[in-house]
PDB file of N, CA and C in Angstrom:
ATOM      1  N   MET A   1      33.294   0.472  -9.795  1.00  0.00           N
ATOM      2  CA  MET A   1      31.992   0.881 -10.239  1.00  0.00           C
ATOM      3  C   MET A   1      31.269  -0.329 -10.828  1.00  0.00           C
ATOM      4  N   ASN A   2      29.975  -0.451 -10.521  1.00  0.00           N
ATOM      5  CA  ASN A   2      29.179  -1.561 -11.043  1.00  0.00           C
ATOM      6  C   ASN A   2      28.743  -1.286 -12.468  1.00  0.00           C
ATOM      7  N   ALA A   3      28.820  -2.336 -13.295  1.00  0.00           N
ATOM      8  CA  ALA A   3      28.340  -2.215 -14.677  1.00  0.00           C
ATOM      9  C   ALA A   3      26.813  -2.198 -14.667  1.00  0.00           C
ATOM     10  N   PRO A   4      26.194  -1.490 -15.595  1.00  0.00           N
ATOM     11  CA  PRO A   4      24.730  -1.485 -15.649  1.00  0.00           C
ATOM     12  C   PRO A   4      24.212  -2.891 -15.987  1.00  0.00           C
ATOM     13  N   LEU A   5      23.000  -3.162 -15.522  1.00  0.00           N
ATOM     14  CA  LEU A   5      22.389  -4.460 -15.790  1.00  0.00           C
ATOM     15  C   LEU A   5      22.027  -4.574 -17.267  1.00  0.00           C
ATOM     16  N   SER A   6      22.171  -5.767 -17.793  1.00  0.00           N
ATOM     17  CA  SER A   6      21.692  -6.005 -19.156  1.00  0.00           C
ATOM     18  C   SER A   6      20.162  -5.950 -19.132  1.00  0.00           C
ATOM     19  N   ARG A   7      19.534  -5.835 -20.283  1.00  0.00           N
ATOM     20  CA  ARG A   7      18.068  -5.804 -20.342  1.00  0.00           C
ATOM     21  C   ARG A   7      17.492  -7.068 -19.700  1.00  0.00           C
ATOM     22  N   ARG A   8      18.071  -8.219 -20.008  1.00  0.00           N
ATOM     23  CA  ARG A   8      17.607  -9.493 -19.443  1.00  0.00           C
ATOM     24  C   ARG A   8      17.700  -9.481 -17.915  1.00  0.00           C
ATOM     25  N   GLU A   9      18.821  -9.010 -17.378  1.00  0.00           N
ATOM     26  CA  GLU A   9      18.994  -8.943 -15.924  1.00  0.00           C
ATOM     27  C   GLU A   9      18.026  -7.953 -15.289  1.00  0.00           C
ATOM     28  N   ALA A  10      17.788  -6.824 -15.966  1.00  0.00           N
ATOM     29  CA  ALA A  10      16.874  -5.802 -15.442  1.00  0.00           C
ATOM     30  C   ALA A  10      15.442  -6.343 -15.392  1.00  0.00           C
ATOM     31  N   ILE A  11      15.019  -7.063 -16.430  1.00  0.00           N
ATOM     32  CA  ILE A  11      13.674  -7.658 -16.433  1.00  0.00           C
ATOM     33  C   ILE A  11      13.562  -8.701 -15.333  1.00  0.00           C
ATOM     34  N   ARG A  12      14.577  -9.557 -15.202  1.00  0.00           N
ATOM     35  CA  ARG A  12      14.573 -10.579 -14.153  1.00  0.00           C
ATOM     36  C   ARG A  12      14.462  -9.931 -12.768  1.00  0.00           C
ATOM     37  N   ALA A  13      15.203  -8.856 -12.534  1.00  0.00           N
ATOM     38  CA  ALA A  13      15.170  -8.162 -11.240  1.00  0.00           C
ATOM     39  C   ALA A  13      13.796  -7.541 -10.989  1.00  0.00           C
ATOM     40  N   ARG A  14      13.191  -6.928 -12.011  1.00  0.00           N
ATOM     41  CA  ARG A  14      11.849  -6.330 -11.867  1.00  0.00           C
ATOM     42  C   ARG A  14      10.813  -7.392 -11.508  1.00  0.00           C
ATOM     43  N   ILE A  15      10.922  -8.537 -12.130  1.00  0.00           N
ATOM     44  CA  ILE A  15       9.970  -9.621 -11.859  1.00  0.00           C
ATOM     45  C   ILE A  15      10.149 -10.145 -10.435  1.00  0.00           C
ATOM     46  N   MET A  16      11.370 -10.429 -10.056  1.00  0.00           N
ATOM     47  CA  MET A  16      11.618 -11.094  -8.769  1.00  0.00           C
ATOM     48  C   MET A  16      11.256 -10.232  -7.563  1.00  0.00           C
ATOM     49  N   VAL A  17      11.171  -8.915  -7.727  1.00  0.00           N
ATOM     50  CA  VAL A  17      10.744  -8.034  -6.646  1.00  0.00           C
ATOM     51  C   VAL A  17       9.324  -8.365  -6.208  1.00  0.00           C
ATOM     52  N   CYS A  18       8.509  -8.839  -7.133  1.00  0.00           N
ATOM     53  CA  CYS A  18       7.095  -9.132  -6.852  1.00  0.00           C
ATOM     54  C   CYS A  18       6.816 -10.631  -6.775  1.00  0.00           C
ATOM     55  N   VAL A  19       7.796 -11.420  -6.401  1.00  0.00           N
ATOM     56  CA  VAL A  19       7.626 -12.879  -6.324  1.00  0.00           C
ATOM     57  C   VAL A  19       7.807 -13.344  -4.888  1.00  0.00           C
ATOM     58  N   GLU A  20       6.903 -14.216  -4.479  1.00  0.00           N
ATOM     59  CA  GLU A  20       6.998 -14.875  -3.175  1.00  0.00           C
ATOM     60  C   GLU A  20       7.131 -16.376  -3.444  1.00  0.00           C
ATOM     61  N   ILE A  21       8.112 -17.009  -2.833  1.00  0.00           N
ATOM     62  CA  ILE A  21       8.327 -18.445  -3.018  1.00  0.00           C
ATOM     63  C   ILE A  21       7.469 -19.183  -2.002  1.00  0.00           C
ATOM     64  N   VAL A  22       6.550 -20.035  -2.523  1.00  0.00           N
ATOM     65  CA  VAL A  22       5.541 -20.690  -1.696  1.00  0.00           C
ATOM     66  C   VAL A  22       5.502 -22.178  -2.017  1.00  0.00           C
ATOM     67  N   ASP A  23       5.508 -22.995  -0.973  1.00  0.00           N
ATOM     68  CA  ASP A  23       5.327 -24.434  -1.170  1.00  0.00           C
ATOM     69  C   ASP A  23       3.836 -24.706  -1.334  1.00  0.00           C
ATOM     70  N   THR A  24       3.429 -25.004  -2.572  1.00  0.00           N
ATOM     71  CA  THR A  24       2.020 -25.272  -2.863  1.00  0.00           C
ATOM     72  C   THR A  24       1.735 -26.771  -2.912  1.00  0.00           C
ATOM     73  N   GLY A  25       2.749 -27.582  -2.634  1.00  0.00           N
ATOM     74  CA  GLY A  25       2.575 -29.033  -2.684  1.00  0.00           C
ATOM     75  C   GLY A  25       2.922 -29.627  -4.033  1.00  0.00           C
ATOM     76  N   TYR A  26       3.343 -28.797  -4.992  1.00  0.00           N
ATOM     77  CA  TYR A  26       3.707 -29.313  -6.307  1.00  0.00           C
ATOM     78  C   TYR A  26       4.980 -30.144  -6.208  1.00  0.00           C
ATOM     79  N   VAL A  27       4.968 -31.289  -6.899  1.00  0.00           N
ATOM     80  CA  VAL A  27       6.121 -32.182  -6.953  1.00  0.00           C
ATOM     81  C   VAL A  27       6.531 -32.285  -8.414  1.00  0.00           C
ATOM     82  N   ASP A  28       7.815 -32.067  -8.699  1.00  0.00           N
ATOM     83  CA  ASP A  28       8.274 -32.081 -10.086  1.00  0.00           C
ATOM     84  C   ASP A  28       8.358 -33.504 -10.641  1.00  0.00           C
ATOM     85  N   ALA A  29       8.767 -33.637 -11.893  1.00  0.00           N
ATOM     86  CA  ALA A  29       8.798 -34.927 -12.580  1.00  0.00           C
ATOM     87  C   ALA A  29       9.733 -35.928 -11.905  1.00  0.00           C
ATOM     88  N   SER A  30      10.735 -35.431 -11.182  1.00  0.00           N
ATOM     89  CA  SER A  30      11.666 -36.337 -10.496  1.00  0.00           C
ATOM     90  C   SER A  30      11.173 -36.733  -9.105  1.00  0.00           C
ATOM     91  N   GLY A  31       9.982 -36.226  -8.728  1.00  0.00           N
ATOM     92  CA  GLY A  31       9.411 -36.570  -7.426  1.00  0.00           C
ATOM     93  C   GLY A  31       9.831 -35.653  -6.292  1.00  0.00           C
ATOM     94  N   GLN A  32      10.549 -34.573  -6.615  1.00  0.00           N
ATOM     95  CA  GLN A  32      11.026 -33.654  -5.595  1.00  0.00           C
ATOM     96  C   GLN A  32      10.038 -32.502  -5.397  1.00  0.00           C
ATOM     97  N   PRO A  33       9.840 -32.064  -4.146  1.00  0.00           N
ATOM     98  CA  PRO A  33       9.003 -30.873  -3.913  1.00  0.00           C
ATOM     99  C   PRO A  33       9.610 -29.685  -4.658  1.00  0.00           C
ATOM    100  N   SER A  34       8.744 -28.873  -5.259  1.00  0.00           N
ATOM    101  CA  SER A  34       9.198 -27.743  -6.063  1.00  0.00           C
ATOM    102  C   SER A  34       8.293 -26.548  -5.781  1.00  0.00           C
ATOM    103  N   PRO A  35       8.735 -25.626  -4.922  1.00  0.00           N
ATOM    104  CA  PRO A  35       7.878 -24.485  -4.572  1.00  0.00           C
ATOM    105  C   PRO A  35       7.588 -23.583  -5.771  1.00  0.00           C
ATOM    106  N   CYS A  36       6.397 -23.017  -5.771  1.00  0.00           N
ATOM    107  CA  CYS A  36       5.988 -22.081  -6.824  1.00  0.00           C
ATOM    108  C   CYS A  36       6.579 -20.701  -6.554  1.00  0.00           C
ATOM    109  N   HIS A  37       6.803 -19.952  -7.624  1.00  0.00           N
ATOM    110  CA  HIS A  37       7.202 -18.552  -7.539  1.00  0.00           C
ATOM    111  C   HIS A  37       5.938 -17.750  -7.839  1.00  0.00           C
ATOM    112  N   ILE A  38       5.267 -17.329  -6.784  1.00  0.00           N
ATOM    113  CA  ILE A  38       3.959 -16.691  -6.893  1.00  0.00           C
ATOM    114  C   ILE A  38       4.109 -15.190  -7.098  1.00  0.00           C
ATOM    115  N   TRP A  39       3.502 -14.701  -8.168  1.00  0.00           N
ATOM    116  CA  TRP A  39       3.487 -13.271  -8.482  1.00  0.00           C
ATOM    117  C   TRP A  39       2.558 -12.579  -7.496  1.00  0.00           C
ATOM    118  N   THR A  40       3.053 -11.534  -6.829  1.00  0.00           N
ATOM    119  CA  THR A  40       2.260 -10.801  -5.843  1.00  0.00           C
ATOM    120  C   THR A  40       1.758  -9.466  -6.382  1.00  0.00           C
ATOM    121  N   GLY A  41       2.102  -9.166  -7.622  1.00  0.00           N
ATOM    122  CA  GLY A  41       1.669  -7.923  -8.248  1.00  0.00           C
ATOM    123  C   GLY A  41       0.300  -8.055  -8.885  1.00  0.00           C
ATOM    124  N   PRO A  42      -0.044  -7.141  -9.801  1.00  0.00           N
ATOM    125  CA  PRO A  42      -1.360  -7.153 -10.427  1.00  0.00           C
ATOM    126  C   PRO A  42      -1.600  -8.404 -11.259  1.00  0.00           C
ATOM    127  N   ASP A  43      -2.891  -8.703 -11.469  1.00  0.00           N
ATOM    128  CA  ASP A  43      -3.237  -9.841 -12.312  1.00  0.00           C
ATOM    129  C   ASP A  43      -4.340  -9.448 -13.287  1.00  0.00           C
ATOM    130  N   SER A  44      -4.817 -10.419 -14.041  1.00  0.00           N
ATOM    131  CA  SER A  44      -5.784 -10.150 -15.103  1.00  0.00           C
ATOM    132  C   SER A  44      -7.223 -10.114 -14.617  1.00  0.00           C
ATOM    133  N   GLY A  45      -7.440 -10.056 -13.325  1.00  0.00           N
ATOM    134  CA  GLY A  45      -8.791  -9.915 -12.786  1.00  0.00           C
ATOM    135  C   GLY A  45      -9.426 -11.247 -12.441  1.00  0.00           C
ATOM    136  N   SER A  46     -10.735 -11.190 -12.217  1.00  0.00           N
ATOM    137  CA  SER A  46     -11.425 -12.382 -11.719  1.00  0.00           C
ATOM    138  C   SER A  46     -12.387 -12.993 -12.730  1.00  0.00           C
ATOM    139  N   GLY A  47     -12.310 -12.589 -13.986  1.00  0.00           N
ATOM    140  CA  GLY A  47     -13.188 -13.144 -15.016  1.00  0.00           C
ATOM    141  C   GLY A  47     -12.813 -14.569 -15.374  1.00  0.00           C
ATOM    142  N   ARG A  48     -13.406 -15.061 -16.453  1.00  0.00           N
ATOM    143  CA  ARG A  48     -13.224 -16.453 -16.876  1.00  0.00           C
ATOM    144  C   ARG A  48     -11.749 -16.833 -17.017  1.00  0.00           C
ATOM    145  N   ASP A  49     -10.970 -16.000 -17.670  1.00  0.00           N
ATOM    146  CA  ASP A  49      -9.540 -16.275 -17.827  1.00  0.00           C
ATOM    147  C   ASP A  49      -8.705 -15.382 -16.922  1.00  0.00           C
ATOM    148  N   GLY A  50      -9.257 -15.039 -15.776  1.00  0.00           N
ATOM    149  CA  GLY A  50      -8.575 -14.148 -14.850  1.00  0.00           C
ATOM    150  C   GLY A  50      -7.559 -14.853 -13.986  1.00  0.00           C
ATOM    151  N   GLY A  51      -6.830 -14.056 -13.237  1.00  0.00           N
ATOM    152  CA  GLY A  51      -5.883 -14.583 -12.270  1.00  0.00           C
ATOM    153  C   GLY A  51      -4.471 -14.755 -12.784  1.00  0.00           C
ATOM    154  N   TYR A  52      -4.224 -14.423 -14.050  1.00  0.00           N
ATOM    155  CA  TYR A  52      -2.873 -14.539 -14.578  1.00  0.00           C
ATOM    156  C   TYR A  52      -2.088 -13.273 -14.249  1.00  0.00           C
ATOM    157  N   PRO A  53      -0.810 -13.413 -13.886  1.00  0.00           N
ATOM    158  CA  PRO A  53       0.001 -12.255 -13.504  1.00  0.00           C
ATOM    159  C   PRO A  53       0.223 -11.285 -14.659  1.00  0.00           C
ATOM    160  N   ARG A  54       0.182  -9.990 -14.358  1.00  0.00           N
ATOM    161  CA  ARG A  54       0.374  -8.948 -15.360  1.00  0.00           C
ATOM    162  C   ARG A  54       1.374  -7.918 -14.846  1.00  0.00           C
ATOM    163  N   MET A  55       2.112  -7.332 -15.787  1.00  0.00           N
ATOM    164  CA  MET A  55       3.026  -6.243 -15.474  1.00  0.00           C
ATOM    165  C   MET A  55       3.113  -5.321 -16.683  1.00  0.00           C
ATOM    166  N   SER A  56       3.612  -4.125 -16.461  1.00  0.00           N
ATOM    167  CA  SER A  56       3.835  -3.188 -17.552  1.00  0.00           C
ATOM    168  C   SER A  56       5.294  -3.307 -17.986  1.00  0.00           C
ATOM    169  N   LEU A  57       5.490  -3.453 -19.291  1.00  0.00           N
ATOM    170  CA  LEU A  57       6.838  -3.548 -19.844  1.00  0.00           C
ATOM    171  C   LEU A  57       6.858  -2.768 -21.148  1.00  0.00           C
ATOM    172  N   ASP A  58       7.700  -1.754 -21.221  1.00  0.00           N
ATOM    173  CA  ASP A  58       7.802  -0.902 -22.410  1.00  0.00           C
ATOM    174  C   ASP A  58       6.451  -0.312 -22.810  1.00  0.00           C
ATOM    175  N   GLY A  59       5.648   0.070 -21.801  1.00  0.00           N
ATOM    176  CA  GLY A  59       4.370   0.720 -22.059  1.00  0.00           C
ATOM    177  C   GLY A  59       3.226  -0.230 -22.412  1.00  0.00           C
ATOM    178  N   GLN A  60       3.461  -1.518 -22.354  1.00  0.00           N
ATOM    179  CA  GLN A  60       2.432  -2.511 -22.663  1.00  0.00           C
ATOM    180  C   GLN A  60       2.160  -3.361 -21.428  1.00  0.00           C
ATOM    181  N   THR A  61       0.911  -3.788 -21.257  1.00  0.00           N
ATOM    182  CA  THR A  61       0.580  -4.730 -20.204  1.00  0.00           C
ATOM    183  C   THR A  61       0.803  -6.131 -20.760  1.00  0.00           C
ATOM    184  N   VAL A  62       1.612  -6.905 -20.060  1.00  0.00           N
ATOM    185  CA  VAL A  62       2.009  -8.229 -20.547  1.00  0.00           C
ATOM    186  C   VAL A  62       1.852  -9.281 -19.449  1.00  0.00           C
ATOM    187  N   ALA A  63       1.727 -10.537 -19.858  1.00  0.00           N
ATOM    188  CA  ALA A  63       1.636 -11.651 -18.922  1.00  0.00           C
ATOM    189  C   ALA A  63       3.030 -11.957 -18.378  1.00  0.00           C
ATOM    190  N   VAL A  64       3.168 -11.937 -17.071  1.00  0.00           N
ATOM    191  CA  VAL A  64       4.489 -12.074 -16.442  1.00  0.00           C
ATOM    192  C   VAL A  64       5.094 -13.448 -16.705  1.00  0.00           C
ATOM    193  N   HIS A  65       4.281 -14.518 -16.661  1.00  0.00           N
ATOM    194  CA  HIS A  65       4.847 -15.847 -16.885  1.00  0.00           C
ATOM    195  C   HIS A  65       5.401 -15.969 -18.308  1.00  0.00           C
ATOM    196  N   ILE A  66       4.780 -15.291 -19.267  1.00  0.00           N
ATOM    197  CA  ILE A  66       5.282 -15.321 -20.640  1.00  0.00           C
ATOM    198  C   ILE A  66       6.558 -14.493 -20.760  1.00  0.00           C
ATOM    199  N   VAL A  67       6.587 -13.325 -20.113  1.00  0.00           N
ATOM    200  CA  VAL A  67       7.798 -12.495 -20.129  1.00  0.00           C
ATOM    201  C   VAL A  67       8.960 -13.264 -19.487  1.00  0.00           C
ATOM    202  N   ASN A  68       8.704 -13.896 -18.348  1.00  0.00           N
ATOM    203  CA  ASN A  68       9.758 -14.626 -17.660  1.00  0.00           C
ATOM    204  C   ASN A  68      10.276 -15.785 -18.523  1.00  0.00           C
ATOM    205  N   TRP A  69       9.356 -16.551 -19.124  1.00  0.00           N
ATOM    206  CA  TRP A  69       9.760 -17.666 -19.984  1.00  0.00           C
ATOM    207  C   TRP A  69      10.613 -17.152 -21.158  1.00  0.00           C
ATOM    208  N   THR A  70      10.118 -16.123 -21.823  1.00  0.00           N
ATOM    209  CA  THR A  70      10.820 -15.566 -22.982  1.00  0.00           C
ATOM    210  C   THR A  70      12.185 -15.020 -22.575  1.00  0.00           C
ATOM    211  N   ASN A  71      12.241 -14.376 -21.435  1.00  0.00           N
ATOM    212  CA  ASN A  71      13.498 -13.819 -20.938  1.00  0.00           C
ATOM    213  C   ASN A  71      14.526 -14.918 -20.685  1.00  0.00           C
ATOM    214  N   GLU A  72      14.084 -16.070 -20.199  1.00  0.00           N
ATOM    215  CA  GLU A  72      15.002 -17.159 -19.849  1.00  0.00           C
ATOM    216  C   GLU A  72      15.234 -18.156 -20.986  1.00  0.00           C
ATOM    217  N   HIS A  73      14.220 -18.371 -21.866  1.00  0.00           N
ATOM    218  CA  HIS A  73      14.307 -19.444 -22.863  1.00  0.00           C
ATOM    219  C   HIS A  73      14.169 -18.986 -24.306  1.00  0.00           C
ATOM    220  N   GLY A  74      13.698 -17.777 -24.531  1.00  0.00           N
ATOM    221  CA  GLY A  74      13.540 -17.283 -25.896  1.00  0.00           C
ATOM    222  C   GLY A  74      12.103 -17.309 -26.384  1.00  0.00           C
ATOM    223  N   PHE A  75      11.952 -17.066 -27.648  1.00  0.00           N
ATOM    224  CA  PHE A  75      10.684 -16.888 -28.340  1.00  0.00           C
ATOM    225  C   PHE A  75       9.745 -18.092 -28.183  1.00  0.00           C
ATOM    226  N   ILE A  76       8.456 -17.813 -28.046  1.00  0.00           N
ATOM    227  CA  ILE A  76       7.420 -18.845 -28.038  1.00  0.00           C
ATOM    228  C   ILE A  76       6.760 -18.823 -29.410  1.00  0.00           C
ATOM    229  N   PRO A  77       6.838 -19.915 -30.174  1.00  0.00           N
ATOM    230  CA  PRO A  77       6.232 -19.937 -31.510  1.00  0.00           C
ATOM    231  C   PRO A  77       4.731 -19.672 -31.459  1.00  0.00           C
ATOM    232  N   GLY A  78       4.183 -19.148 -32.540  1.00  0.00           N
ATOM    233  CA  GLY A  78       2.787 -18.757 -32.613  1.00  0.00           C
ATOM    234  C   GLY A  78       1.794 -19.862 -32.325  1.00  0.00           C
ATOM    235  N   LYS A  79       2.115 -21.098 -32.616  1.00  0.00           N
ATOM    236  CA  LYS A  79       1.190 -22.211 -32.399  1.00  0.00           C
ATOM    237  C   LYS A  79       1.340 -22.840 -31.012  1.00  0.00           C
ATOM    238  N   LYS A  80       2.166 -22.238 -30.162  1.00  0.00           N
ATOM    239  CA  LYS A  80       2.418 -22.793 -28.830  1.00  0.00           C
ATOM    240  C   LYS A  80       1.952 -21.829 -27.751  1.00  0.00           C
ATOM    241  N   GLN A  81       1.724 -22.368 -26.566  1.00  0.00           N
ATOM    242  CA  GLN A  81       1.395 -21.567 -25.391  1.00  0.00           C
ATOM    243  C   GLN A  81       1.995 -22.256 -24.181  1.00  0.00           C
ATOM    244  N   LEU A  82       2.004 -21.559 -23.064  1.00  0.00           N
ATOM    245  CA  LEU A  82       2.598 -22.115 -21.847  1.00  0.00           C
ATOM    246  C   LEU A  82       1.524 -22.749 -20.971  1.00  0.00           C
ATOM    247  N   ASP A  83       1.822 -23.948 -20.494  1.00  0.00           N
ATOM    248  CA  ASP A  83       0.945 -24.652 -19.572  1.00  0.00           C
ATOM    249  C   ASP A  83       1.605 -24.643 -18.198  1.00  0.00           C
ATOM    250  N   HIS A  84       0.829 -24.304 -17.173  1.00  0.00           N
ATOM    251  CA  HIS A  84       1.322 -24.343 -15.797  1.00  0.00           C
ATOM    252  C   HIS A  84       1.240 -25.786 -15.295  1.00  0.00           C
ATOM    253  N   LEU A  85       2.358 -26.460 -15.217  1.00  0.00           N
ATOM    254  CA  LEU A  85       2.382 -27.843 -14.746  1.00  0.00           C
ATOM    255  C   LEU A  85       1.916 -27.938 -13.298  1.00  0.00           C
ATOM    256  N   CYS A  86       2.165 -26.890 -12.528  1.00  0.00           N
ATOM    257  CA  CYS A  86       1.784 -26.849 -11.109  1.00  0.00           C
ATOM    258  C   CYS A  86       0.309 -26.486 -10.927  1.00  0.00           C
ATOM    259  N   ARG A  87      -0.373 -26.114 -12.025  1.00  0.00           N
ATOM    260  CA  ARG A  87      -1.790 -25.737 -12.034  1.00  0.00           C
ATOM    261  C   ARG A  87      -2.058 -24.460 -11.228  1.00  0.00           C
ATOM    262  N   THR A  88      -1.039 -23.628 -11.027  1.00  0.00           N
ATOM    263  CA  THR A  88      -1.169 -22.378 -10.275  1.00  0.00           C
ATOM    264  C   THR A  88      -0.955 -21.208 -11.226  1.00  0.00           C
ATOM    265  N   ARG A  89      -2.029 -20.501 -11.565  1.00  0.00           N
ATOM    266  CA  ARG A  89      -1.953 -19.437 -12.561  1.00  0.00           C
ATOM    267  C   ARG A  89      -0.977 -18.332 -12.195  1.00  0.00           C
ATOM    268  N   ARG A  90      -0.838 -18.002 -10.922  1.00  0.00           N
ATOM    269  CA  ARG A  90       0.033 -16.892 -10.508  1.00  0.00           C
ATOM    270  C   ARG A  90       1.499 -17.313 -10.408  1.00  0.00           C
ATOM    271  N   CYS A  91       1.796 -18.602 -10.665  1.00  0.00           N
ATOM    272  CA  CYS A  91       3.186 -19.074 -10.629  1.00  0.00           C
ATOM    273  C   CYS A  91       3.895 -18.654 -11.913  1.00  0.00           C
ATOM    274  N   ILE A  92       5.086 -18.089 -11.769  1.00  0.00           N
ATOM    275  CA  ILE A  92       5.849 -17.652 -12.940  1.00  0.00           C
ATOM    276  C   ILE A  92       7.179 -18.411 -13.045  1.00  0.00           C
ATOM    277  N   ARG A  93       7.353 -19.443 -12.230  1.00  0.00           N
ATOM    278  CA  ARG A  93       8.597 -20.216 -12.249  1.00  0.00           C
ATOM    279  C   ARG A  93       8.716 -20.943 -13.583  1.00  0.00           C
ATOM    280  N   ASP A  94       9.805 -20.708 -14.304  1.00  0.00           N
ATOM    281  CA  ASP A  94       9.905 -21.226 -15.669  1.00  0.00           C
ATOM    282  C   ASP A  94       9.955 -22.747 -15.742  1.00  0.00           C
ATOM    283  N   ASP A  95      10.461 -23.435 -14.723  1.00  0.00           N
ATOM    284  CA  ASP A  95      10.456 -24.896 -14.794  1.00  0.00           C
ATOM    285  C   ASP A  95       9.124 -25.491 -14.327  1.00  0.00           C
ATOM    286  N   HIS A  96       8.150 -24.648 -13.995  1.00  0.00           N
ATOM    287  CA  HIS A  96       6.778 -25.090 -13.735  1.00  0.00           C
ATOM    288  C   HIS A  96       5.914 -24.867 -14.974  1.00  0.00           C
ATOM    289  N   LEU A  97       6.531 -24.382 -16.040  1.00  0.00           N
ATOM    290  CA  LEU A  97       5.828 -24.087 -17.294  1.00  0.00           C
ATOM    291  C   LEU A  97       6.352 -25.002 -18.389  1.00  0.00           C
ATOM    292  N   GLU A  98       5.453 -25.367 -19.296  1.00  0.00           N
ATOM    293  CA  GLU A  98       5.863 -26.165 -20.442  1.00  0.00           C
ATOM    294  C   GLU A  98       5.186 -25.607 -21.693  1.00  0.00           C
ATOM    295  N   MET A  99       5.955 -25.520 -22.772  1.00  0.00           N
ATOM    296  CA  MET A  99       5.416 -25.050 -24.031  1.00  0.00           C
ATOM    297  C   MET A  99       4.649 -26.204 -24.684  1.00  0.00           C
ATOM    298  N   VAL A 100       3.366 -25.966 -24.946  1.00  0.00           N
ATOM    299  CA  VAL A 100       2.495 -26.991 -25.519  1.00  0.00           C
ATOM    300  C   VAL A 100       1.579 -26.360 -26.564  1.00  0.00           C
ATOM    301  N   THR A 101       0.848 -27.204 -27.294  1.00  0.00           N
ATOM    302  CA  THR A 101      -0.169 -26.688 -28.209  1.00  0.00           C
ATOM    303  C   THR A 101      -1.400 -26.303 -27.394  1.00  0.00           C
ATOM    304  N   HIS A 102      -2.284 -25.533 -28.009  1.00  0.00           N
ATOM    305  CA  HIS A 102      -3.534 -25.150 -27.358  1.00  0.00           C
ATOM    306  C   HIS A 102      -4.339 -26.395 -26.983  1.00  0.00           C
ATOM    307  N   LYS A 103      -4.390 -27.366 -27.882  1.00  0.00           N
ATOM    308  CA  LYS A 103      -5.143 -28.602 -27.643  1.00  0.00           C
ATOM    309  C   LYS A 103      -4.599 -29.358 -26.422  1.00  0.00           C
ATOM    310  N   GLN A 104      -3.267 -29.484 -26.334  1.00  0.00           N
ATOM    311  CA  GLN A 104      -2.660 -30.146 -25.172  1.00  0.00           C
ATOM    312  C   GLN A 104      -3.004 -29.410 -23.889  1.00  0.00           C
ATOM    313  N   ASN A 105      -2.938 -28.082 -23.922  1.00  0.00           N
ATOM    314  CA  ASN A 105      -3.216 -27.272 -22.744  1.00  0.00           C
ATOM    315  C   ASN A 105      -4.664 -27.468 -22.285  1.00  0.00           C
ATOM    316  N   GLN A 106      -5.593 -27.497 -23.231  1.00  0.00           N
ATOM    317  CA  GLN A 106      -7.004 -27.690 -22.887  1.00  0.00           C
ATOM    318  C   GLN A 106      -7.254 -29.073 -22.312  1.00  0.00           C
ATOM    319  N   LYS A 107      -6.621 -30.104 -22.884  1.00  0.00           N
ATOM    320  CA  LYS A 107      -6.769 -31.470 -22.363  1.00  0.00           C
ATOM    321  C   LYS A 107      -6.267 -31.549 -20.918  1.00  0.00           C
ATOM    322  N   ARG A 108      -5.117 -30.951 -20.671  1.00  0.00           N
ATOM    323  CA  ARG A 108      -4.561 -30.966 -19.311  1.00  0.00           C
ATOM    324  C   ARG A 108      -5.458 -30.210 -18.337  1.00  0.00           C
ATOM    325  N   ARG A 109      -5.988 -29.072 -18.777  1.00  0.00           N
ATOM    326  CA  ARG A 109      -6.903 -28.301 -17.935  1.00  0.00           C
ATOM    327  C   ARG A 109      -8.131 -29.135 -17.593  1.00  0.00           C
ATOM    328  N   ASP A 110      -8.718 -29.762 -18.616  1.00  0.00           N
ATOM    329  CA  ASP A 110      -9.917 -30.571 -18.399  1.00  0.00           C
ATOM    330  C   ASP A 110      -9.636 -31.741 -17.453  1.00  0.00           C
ATOM    331  N   GLN A 111      -8.476 -32.381 -17.611  1.00  0.00           N
ATOM    332  CA  GLN A 111      -8.120 -33.494 -16.732  1.00  0.00           C
ATOM    333  C   GLN A 111      -7.928 -33.016 -15.296  1.00  0.00           C
ATOM    334  N   ALA A 112      -7.288 -31.856 -15.122  1.00  0.00           N
ATOM    335  CA  ALA A 112      -7.090 -31.304 -13.775  1.00  0.00           C
ATOM    336  C   ALA A 112      -8.430 -30.980 -13.125  1.00  0.00           C
ATOM    337  N   LEU A 113      -9.356 -30.394 -13.899  1.00  0.00           N
ATOM    338  CA  LEU A 113     -10.691 -30.085 -13.360  1.00  0.00           C
ATOM    339  C   LEU A 113     -11.440 -31.356 -12.984  1.00  0.00           C
ATOM    340  N   LYS A 114     -11.337 -32.372 -13.823  1.00  0.00           N
ATOM    341  CA  LYS A 114     -11.999 -33.655 -13.552  1.00  0.00           C
ATOM    342  C   LYS A 114     -11.443 -34.278 -12.271  1.00  0.00           C
ATOM    343  N   THR A 115     -10.133 -34.263 -12.123  1.00  0.00           N
ATOM    344  CA  THR A 115      -9.480 -34.824 -10.928  1.00  0.00           C
ATOM    345  C   THR A 115      -9.902 -34.049  -9.683  1.00  0.00           C
ATOM    346  N   ARG A 116      -9.960 -32.728  -9.795  1.00  0.00           N
ATOM    347  CA  ARG A 116     -10.338 -31.884  -8.666  1.00  0.00           C
ATOM    348  C   ARG A 116     -11.777 -32.164  -8.254  1.00  0.00           C
ATOM    349  N   ARG A 117     -12.669 -32.302  -9.226  1.00  0.00           N
ATOM    350  CA  ARG A 117     -14.076 -32.587  -8.929  1.00  0.00           C
ATOM    351  C   ARG A 117     -14.244 -33.938  -8.243  1.00  0.00           C
ATOM    352  N   GLN A 118     -13.470 -34.917  -8.676  1.00  0.00           N
ATOM    353  CA  GLN A 118     -13.552 -36.255  -8.081  1.00  0.00           C
ATOM    354  C   GLN A 118     -13.040 -36.252  -6.652  1.00  0.00           C
ATOM    355  N   ALA A 119     -12.090 -35.375  -6.348  1.00  0.00           N
ATOM    356  CA  ALA A 119     -11.521 -35.313  -5.000  1.00  0.00           C
ATOM    357  C   ALA A 119     -12.443 -34.620  -4.018  1.00  0.00           C
ATOM    358  N   CYS A 120     -13.325 -33.736  -4.507  1.00  0.00           N
ATOM    359  CA  CYS A 120     -14.217 -32.989  -3.637  1.00  0.00           C
ATOM    360  C   CYS A 120     -15.509 -33.758  -3.430  1.00  0.00           C
ATOM    361  N   PRO A 121     -16.007 -33.817  -2.174  1.00  0.00           N
ATOM    362  CA  PRO A 121     -17.254 -34.540  -1.906  1.00  0.00           C
ATOM    363  C   PRO A 121     -18.465 -33.821  -2.490  1.00  0.00           C
TER     364      PRO A 121
END
């Protein structure tokens, strides 16, 4: 007989059902290609801060990338937030996320936008 899944395993299984592994061109710090784990379920809509993955957990709507990070690495301190190193909001892969301050996250966002604008004619 199979033992029941632990809460951590059950959350991981619920998340992975709605994940598609996609090569978005992201290269990790060691220079190796690192495909994103793209959430295919609901998201936070199309507003200013839209496009982040959402799921229901214990009757609450929560951000999937935060649930996944917390499930794998533990608590995120109040003064920290997760930055998507791959710049893909729907990616929930924990090694594509880094815990940073709000200020660091905004600087990185601004730099990514600046780089993107310079690349477009």
